[in-house]
Structures are given as C-alpha cells and as structure tokens.
C-alpha cells in the first residue's frame, strides 16, 4: 500500500501503522480512510495529501 504525505506539514500516513489515535486501524489504505479524517499534526483535509 502507498504512503501519503501531507503537503502542508509533511506528516506521512503509513497504512501499515494507520492512525489508531484517530480511529484508523493499522492496515487501512489511504483511499479507505473516511473523507472526514484530517491530518493529526496540522488538521489539513485528505485533499491536501499527495502519494509519496
């Protein structure tokens, strides 16, 4: 699965790790994250992420 990087702050979403603190289980592909999810570092929306 591809990693995605926040264009605003540089946070890297790694699907192997997910974002458990915000309800995203490890193994969740970026495309499967709800559109309401935001970057845990800066609050940017999914549309602000680019495939690494």
PDB file of N, CA and C in Angstrom:
ATOM      1  N   UNK A   1       0.849  -1.189   0.000  1.00  0.00           N
ATOM      2  CA  UNK A   1       0.000   0.000   0.000  1.00  0.00           C
ATOM      3  C   UNK A   1       0.891   1.247   0.000  1.00  0.00           C
ATOM      4  N   UNK A   2       0.397   2.273  -0.664  1.00  0.00           N
ATOM      5  CA  UNK A   2       1.166   3.502  -0.809  1.00  0.00           C
ATOM      6  C   UNK A   2       1.087   4.371   0.437  1.00  0.00           C
ATOM      7  N   UNK A   3       2.180   5.088   0.696  1.00  0.00           N
ATOM      8  CA  UNK A   3       2.215   6.087   1.756  1.00  0.00           C
ATOM      9  C   UNK A   3       1.809   7.428   1.149  1.00  0.00           C
ATOM     10  N   UNK A   4       1.225   8.269   1.981  1.00  0.00           N
ATOM     11  CA  UNK A   4       0.811   9.605   1.560  1.00  0.00           C
ATOM     12  C   UNK A   4       1.398  10.628   2.517  1.00  0.00           C
ATOM     13  N   UNK A   5       1.749  11.803   1.964  1.00  0.00           N
ATOM     14  CA  UNK A   5       2.375  12.859   2.753  1.00  0.00           C
ATOM     15  C   UNK A   5       1.510  14.116   2.716  1.00  0.00           C
ATOM     16  N   UNK A   6       1.356  14.745   3.875  1.00  0.00           N
ATOM     17  CA  UNK A   6       0.608  15.991   3.969  1.00  0.00           C
ATOM     18  C   UNK A   6       1.424  17.100   3.301  1.00  0.00           C
ATOM     19  N   UNK A   7       0.819  17.766   2.320  1.00  0.00           N
ATOM     20  CA  UNK A   7       1.504  18.849   1.613  1.00  0.00           C
ATOM     21  C   UNK A   7       1.700  20.080   2.496  1.00  0.00           C
ATOM     22  N   UNK A   8       0.948  20.174   3.580  1.00  0.00           N
ATOM     23  CA  UNK A   8       1.021  21.342   4.454  1.00  0.00           C
ATOM     24  C   UNK A   8       2.159  21.211   5.471  1.00  0.00           C
ATOM     25  N   UNK A   9       2.215  20.055   6.165  1.00  0.00           N
ATOM     26  CA  UNK A   9       3.186  19.936   7.266  1.00  0.00           C
ATOM     27  C   UNK A   9       4.204  18.816   7.104  1.00  0.00           C
ATOM     28  N   UNK A  10       4.004  17.924   6.130  1.00  0.00           N
ATOM     29  CA  UNK A  10       4.961  16.843   5.920  1.00  0.00           C
ATOM     30  C   UNK A  10       4.655  15.554   6.672  1.00  0.00           C
ATOM     31  N   UNK A  11       3.542  15.506   7.415  1.00  0.00           N
ATOM     32  CA  UNK A  11       3.153  14.261   8.097  1.00  0.00           C
ATOM     33  C   UNK A  11       3.003  13.148   7.071  1.00  0.00           C
ATOM     34  N   UNK A  12       3.530  11.973   7.397  1.00  0.00           N
ATOM     35  CA  UNK A  12       3.434  10.829   6.489  1.00  0.00           C
ATOM     36  C   UNK A  12       2.418   9.832   7.023  1.00  0.00           C
ATOM     37  N   UNK A  13       1.395   9.545   6.211  1.00  0.00           N
ATOM     38  CA  UNK A  13       0.449   8.486   6.561  1.00  0.00           C
ATOM     39  C   UNK A  13       0.984   7.180   6.013  1.00  0.00           C
ATOM     40  N   UNK A  14       1.274   6.259   6.917  1.00  0.00           N
ATOM     41  CA  UNK A  14       1.771   4.927   6.558  1.00  0.00           C
ATOM     42  C   UNK A  14       0.649   3.933   6.838  1.00  0.00           C
ATOM     43  N   UNK A  15       0.096   3.311   5.787  1.00  0.00           N
ATOM     44  CA  UNK A  15      -1.030   2.392   6.013  1.00  0.00           C
ATOM     45  C   UNK A  15      -0.689   1.224   6.928  1.00  0.00           C
ATOM     46  N   UNK A  16       0.562   0.837   6.994  1.00  0.00           N
ATOM     47  CA  UNK A  16       0.956  -0.256   7.892  1.00  0.00           C
ATOM     48  C   UNK A  16       0.751   0.140   9.357  1.00  0.00           C
ATOM     49  N   UNK A  17       0.877   1.435   9.648  1.00  0.00           N
ATOM     50  CA  UNK A  17       0.707   1.927  11.017  1.00  0.00           C
ATOM     51  C   UNK A  17      -0.692   2.471  11.265  1.00  0.00           C
ATOM     52  N   UNK A  18      -1.338   2.992  10.217  1.00  0.00           N
ATOM     53  CA  UNK A  18      -2.649   3.615  10.383  1.00  0.00           C
ATOM     54  C   UNK A  18      -2.539   4.875  11.235  1.00  0.00           C
ATOM     55  N   UNK A  19      -3.628   5.233  11.863  1.00  0.00           N
ATOM     56  CA  UNK A  19      -3.685   6.377  12.787  1.00  0.00           C
ATOM     57  C   UNK A  19      -4.628   5.983  13.922  1.00  0.00           C
ATOM     58  N   UNK A  20      -4.198   5.011  14.748  1.00  0.00           N
ATOM     59  CA  UNK A  20      -5.084   4.469  15.789  1.00  0.00           C
ATOM     60  C   UNK A  20      -5.637   5.520  16.747  1.00  0.00           C
ATOM     61  N   UNK A  21      -4.863   6.561  17.024  1.00  0.00           N
ATOM     62  CA  UNK A  21      -5.327   7.605  17.940  1.00  0.00           C
ATOM     63  C   UNK A  21      -6.549   8.328  17.395  1.00  0.00           C
ATOM     64  N   UNK A  22      -6.750   8.251  16.070  1.00  0.00           N
ATOM     65  CA  UNK A  22      -7.882   8.922  15.441  1.00  0.00           C
ATOM     66  C   UNK A  22      -8.828   7.939  14.758  1.00  0.00           C
ATOM     67  N   UNK A  23      -8.800   6.669  15.201  1.00  0.00           N
ATOM     68  CA  UNK A  23      -9.770   5.689  14.743  1.00  0.00           C
ATOM     69  C   UNK A  23      -9.445   4.987  13.435  1.00  0.00           C
ATOM     70  N   UNK A  24      -8.205   5.130  12.940  1.00  0.00           N
ATOM     71  CA  UNK A  24      -7.816   4.469  11.693  1.00  0.00           C
ATOM     72  C   UNK A  24      -6.909   3.295  12.040  1.00  0.00           C
ATOM     73  N   UNK A  25      -7.422   2.087  11.832  1.00  0.00           N
ATOM     74  CA  UNK A  25      -6.690   0.874  12.216  1.00  0.00           C
ATOM     75  C   UNK A  25      -5.482   0.632  11.312  1.00  0.00           C
ATOM     76  N   UNK A  26      -4.424   0.024  11.866  1.00  0.00           N
ATOM     77  CA  UNK A  26      -3.297  -0.385  11.016  1.00  0.00           C
ATOM     78  C   UNK A  26      -3.790  -1.268   9.885  1.00  0.00           C
ATOM     79  N   UNK A  27      -3.204  -1.089   8.696  1.00  0.00           N
ATOM     80  CA  UNK A  27      -3.604  -1.859   7.534  1.00  0.00           C
ATOM     81  C   UNK A  27      -4.668  -1.162   6.693  1.00  0.00           C
ATOM     82  N   UNK A  28      -5.075   0.052   7.073  1.00  0.00           N
ATOM     83  CA  UNK A  28      -6.093   0.792   6.337  1.00  0.00           C
ATOM     84  C   UNK A  28      -5.453   1.595   5.210  1.00  0.00           C
ATOM     85  N   UNK A  29      -5.849   1.305   3.966  1.00  0.00           N
ATOM     86  CA  UNK A  29      -5.342   2.055   2.820  1.00  0.00           C
ATOM     87  C   UNK A  29      -5.833   3.492   2.893  1.00  0.00           C
ATOM     88  N   UNK A  30      -5.045   4.419   2.355  1.00  0.00           N
ATOM     89  CA  UNK A  30      -5.416   5.835   2.391  1.00  0.00           C
ATOM     90  C   UNK A  30      -6.786   6.060   1.740  1.00  0.00           C
ATOM     91  N   UNK A  31      -7.046   5.372   0.644  1.00  0.00           N
ATOM     92  CA  UNK A  31      -8.323   5.524  -0.065  1.00  0.00           C
ATOM     93  C   UNK A  31      -9.514   5.092   0.789  1.00  0.00           C
ATOM     94  N   UNK A  32      -9.268   4.234   1.779  1.00  0.00           N
ATOM     95  CA  UNK A  32     -10.345   3.720   2.629  1.00  0.00           C
ATOM     96  C   UNK A  32     -10.585   4.559   3.881  1.00  0.00           C
ATOM     97  N   UNK A  33      -9.763   5.590   4.090  1.00  0.00           N
ATOM     98  CA  UNK A  33      -9.963   6.483   5.235  1.00  0.00           C
ATOM     99  C   UNK A  33     -11.167   7.376   4.930  1.00  0.00           C
ATOM    100  N   UNK A  34     -12.043   7.591   5.904  1.00  0.00           N
ATOM    101  CA  UNK A  34     -13.200   8.475   5.664  1.00  0.00           C
ATOM    102  C   UNK A  34     -12.748   9.872   5.242  1.00  0.00           C
ATOM    103  N   UNK A  35     -13.540  10.521   4.392  1.00  0.00           N
ATOM    104  CA  UNK A  35     -13.211  11.863   3.918  1.00  0.00           C
ATOM    105  C   UNK A  35     -13.181  12.885   5.057  1.00  0.00           C
ATOM    106  N   UNK A  36     -13.795  12.565   6.166  1.00  0.00           N
ATOM    107  CA  UNK A  36     -13.826  13.487   7.311  1.00  0.00           C
ATOM    108  C   UNK A  36     -12.521  13.476   8.112  1.00  0.00           C
ATOM    109  N   UNK A  37     -11.648  12.493   7.842  1.00  0.00           N
ATOM    110  CA  UNK A  37     -10.364  12.409   8.547  1.00  0.00           C
ATOM    111  C   UNK A  37      -9.494  13.603   8.183  1.00  0.00           C
ATOM    112  N   UNK A  38      -8.738  14.097   9.164  1.00  0.00           N
ATOM    113  CA  UNK A  38      -7.804  15.204   8.915  1.00  0.00           C
ATOM    114  C   UNK A  38      -6.423  14.821   9.430  1.00  0.00           C
ATOM    115  N   UNK A  39      -5.415  15.512   8.921  1.00  0.00           N
ATOM    116  CA  UNK A  39      -4.043  15.287   9.345  1.00  0.00           C
ATOM    117  C   UNK A  39      -3.952  15.447  10.862  1.00  0.00           C
ATOM    118  N   UNK A  40      -3.396  14.437  11.574  1.00  0.00           N
ATOM    119  CA  UNK A  40      -3.326  14.536  13.034  1.00  0.00           C
ATOM    120  C   UNK A  40      -2.332  15.588  13.519  1.00  0.00           C
ATOM    121  N   UNK A  41      -1.469  16.061  12.633  1.00  0.00           N
ATOM    122  CA  UNK A  41      -0.485  17.069  13.030  1.00  0.00           C
ATOM    123  C   UNK A  41      -0.989  18.490  12.823  1.00  0.00           C
ATOM    124  N   UNK A  42      -1.571  18.764  11.633  1.00  0.00           N
ATOM    125  CA  UNK A  42      -1.935  20.155  11.331  1.00  0.00           C
ATOM    126  C   UNK A  42      -3.419  20.369  11.029  1.00  0.00           C
ATOM    127  N   UNK A  43      -4.185  19.285  10.879  1.00  0.00           N
ATOM    128  CA  UNK A  43      -5.625  19.425  10.640  1.00  0.00           C
ATOM    129  C   UNK A  43      -6.025  19.594   9.181  1.00  0.00           C
ATOM    130  N   UNK A  44      -5.069  19.440   8.259  1.00  0.00           N
ATOM    131  CA  UNK A  44      -5.395  19.542   6.834  1.00  0.00           C
ATOM    132  C   UNK A  44      -6.266  18.358   6.411  1.00  0.00           C
ATOM    133  N   UNK A  45      -7.142  18.577   5.434  1.00  0.00           N
ATOM    134  CA  UNK A  45      -8.017  17.518   4.940  1.00  0.00           C
ATOM    135  C   UNK A  45      -7.279  16.543   4.028  1.00  0.00           C
ATOM    136  N   UNK A  46      -7.939  15.438   3.729  1.00  0.00           N
ATOM    137  CA  UNK A  46      -7.341  14.407   2.866  1.00  0.00           C
ATOM    138  C   UNK A  46      -6.907  14.949   1.515  1.00  0.00           C
ATOM    139  N   UNK A  47      -7.602  15.969   1.019  1.00  0.00           N
ATOM    140  CA  UNK A  47      -7.279  16.527  -0.298  1.00  0.00           C
ATOM    141  C   UNK A  47      -5.917  17.222  -0.307  1.00  0.00           C
ATOM    142  N   UNK A  48      -5.354  17.459   0.872  1.00  0.00           N
ATOM    143  CA  UNK A  48      -4.042  18.111   0.980  1.00  0.00           C
ATOM    144  C   UNK A  48      -2.894  17.102   1.031  1.00  0.00           C
ATOM    145  N   UNK A  49      -3.188  15.828   0.787  1.00  0.00           N
ATOM    146  CA  UNK A  49      -2.166  14.781   0.819  1.00  0.00           C
ATOM    147  C   UNK A  49      -1.789  14.358  -0.606  1.00  0.00           C
ATOM    148  N   UNK A  50      -0.534  14.004  -0.776  1.00  0.00           N
ATOM    149  CA  UNK A  50      -0.022  13.513  -2.062  1.00  0.00           C
ATOM    150  C   UNK A  50       0.626  12.156  -1.860  1.00  0.00           C
ATOM    151  N   UNK A  51       0.481  11.296  -2.872  1.00  0.00           N
ATOM    152  CA  UNK A  51       1.114   9.985  -2.807  1.00  0.00           C
ATOM    153  C   UNK A  51       2.624  10.167  -2.815  1.00  0.00           C
ATOM    154  N   UNK A  52       3.289   9.447  -1.925  1.00  0.00           N
ATOM    155  CA  UNK A  52       4.752   9.542  -1.805  1.00  0.00           C
ATOM    156  C   UNK A  52       5.433   8.787  -2.915  1.00  0.00           C
TER     157      UNK A  52
END
